[in-house]
Protein backbone atom coordinates (compact mmCIF):
# COMPACT_ATOMS: atom_id res chain seq x y z
CA MET A 1 -10.70 11.51 -3.82
CA ARG A 2 -9.14 14.96 -4.35
CA TYR A 3 -11.16 16.27 -1.41
CA ALA A 4 -9.59 13.64 0.83
CA PHE A 5 -6.14 15.15 0.23
CA SER A 6 -6.79 18.89 -0.01
CA LEU A 7 -7.25 21.56 2.64
CA GLN A 8 -10.58 22.81 1.24
CA GLY A 9 -9.75 26.47 1.79
CA PHE A 10 -9.13 25.99 5.51
CA PRO A 11 -5.83 26.00 7.40
CA PHE A 12 -4.33 22.57 8.03
CA SER A 13 -5.33 22.66 11.72
CA LYS A 14 -9.00 23.13 10.76
CA SER A 15 -8.88 20.70 7.85
CA ILE A 16 -7.80 17.82 10.08
CA GLN A 17 -10.68 18.69 12.43
CA GLY A 18 -13.13 17.98 9.60
CA TYR A 19 -13.78 21.40 8.10
CA LEU A 20 -14.35 21.46 4.34
CA LYS A 21 -16.28 23.24 1.61
CA CYS A 22 -19.18 21.84 -0.42
CA GLN A 23 -18.02 20.61 -3.83
CA ASN A 24 -21.00 22.24 -5.56
CA CYS A 25 -21.80 25.54 -3.81
CA GLY A 26 -18.76 26.27 -1.59
CA THR A 27 -20.71 26.26 1.69
CA ASP A 28 -18.53 25.72 4.76
CA LEU A 29 -19.17 22.30 6.31
CA ARG A 30 -17.84 20.23 9.18
CA ILE A 31 -17.75 16.45 9.52
CA THR A 32 -19.53 15.63 12.77
CA GLY A 33 -19.46 11.85 12.48
CA PHE A 34 -19.68 8.90 10.14
CA GLY A 35 -22.46 6.55 9.12
CA LYS A 36 -22.79 3.00 10.39
CA GLN A 37 -21.32 1.73 7.11
CA VAL A 38 -17.90 3.17 7.96
CA TRP A 39 -17.83 1.54 11.40
CA LEU A 40 -19.03 -1.78 9.96
CA LEU A 41 -16.27 -1.67 7.34
CA PHE A 42 -13.72 -0.81 10.02
CA THR A 43 -14.85 -3.74 12.21
CA VAL A 44 -14.80 -6.22 9.33
CA THR A 45 -11.36 -4.96 8.27
CA VAL A 46 -9.92 -5.42 11.75
CA ILE A 47 -11.35 -8.94 11.96
CA VAL A 48 -10.03 -9.95 8.52
CA LEU A 49 -6.56 -8.52 9.20
CA ALA A 50 -6.46 -10.21 12.62
CA MET A 51 -7.40 -13.55 11.06
CA LEU A 52 -4.74 -13.15 8.39
CA ALA A 53 -2.16 -12.23 11.02
CA LEU A 54 -3.03 -15.34 13.02
CA PHE A 55 -2.89 -17.67 10.04
CA TYR A 56 -0.15 -16.09 7.93
CA ARG A 57 2.14 -19.09 8.43
CA ASP A 58 -0.45 -21.44 6.96
CA LEU A 59 -1.01 -19.04 4.07
CA PHE A 60 2.75 -18.74 3.62
CA SER A 61 3.17 -22.53 3.42
CA ILE A 62 0.30 -22.88 0.93
CA ILE A 63 1.03 -20.09 -1.57
CA GLY A 64 4.65 -19.10 -0.82
CA PHE A 65 6.44 -16.01 0.43
CA GLY A 66 6.15 -13.84 -2.69
CA ALA A 67 2.45 -14.45 -3.19
CA THR A 68 1.79 -13.83 0.52
CA ALA A 69 3.67 -10.51 0.40
CA VAL A 70 1.82 -9.41 -2.74
CA TYR A 71 -1.49 -10.47 -1.17
CA TRP A 72 -0.81 -8.40 1.98
CA VAL A 73 0.24 -5.31 0.02
CA LEU A 74 -2.79 -5.48 -2.28
CA LEU A 75 -5.09 -6.05 0.68
CA ILE A 76 -3.69 -3.05 2.56
CA PHE A 77 -4.07 -0.78 -0.51
CA LEU A 78 -7.62 -2.01 -1.05
CA VAL A 79 -8.55 -1.39 2.58
CA VAL A 80 -7.06 2.13 2.56
CA TYR A 81 -8.84 3.01 -0.68
CA VAL A 82 -12.23 1.61 0.34
CA PHE A 83 -12.03 3.09 3.84
CA SER A 84 -11.05 6.56 2.60
CA TYR A 85 -13.83 6.45 -0.01
CA GLY A 86 -16.34 5.23 2.57
CA MET A 87 -15.36 7.93 5.05
CA TRP A 88 -16.12 10.65 2.50
CA LYS A 89 -19.23 9.00 1.09
CA HIS A 90 -20.84 8.31 4.48
CA ALA A 91 -19.66 11.34 6.43
CA ILE A 92 -22.27 13.18 8.48
CA LEU A 93 -21.92 16.86 7.64
CA LYS A 94 -23.13 19.99 9.39
CA GLN A 95 -23.26 23.43 7.83
CA ILE A 96 -21.25 25.95 9.81
CA ASP A 97 -21.80 29.68 9.99
CA THR A 98 -18.55 31.36 8.93
CA ASP A 99 -19.46 34.69 10.52
CA THR A 100 -19.76 33.28 14.05
CA THR A 101 -16.82 30.95 13.54
CA SER A 102 -14.50 33.76 12.47
CA LYS A 103 -15.52 35.82 15.51
CA THR A 104 -14.83 33.02 17.98
CA ASP A 105 -11.86 31.46 16.24
CA PRO A 106 -9.10 33.84 15.13
CA SER A 107 -7.33 31.19 13.02
CA ILE A 108 -9.98 31.33 10.27
């Protein structure tokens, strides 16, 4: 999780573009995409949240306001945690050559 919130030795502008360093050897990498698992999780999350948004009044009448609010907050934290973990676990990485990158990109 620390790699999800650090700059990995790159400027912020490059870090948000997916540039990072290998945790083991320090090789410069770039995230080029994500595995099917991430997109499946995203789709299921959108469907579940849409269903809950449509039926929140029924849920509210069954379990009450406080329990509904706690349920929503816990669900949102769980989704953010699982999605951020899944993005890093199933990221498709490509090794980048720092010599050619530094010649073409003056910000590195």
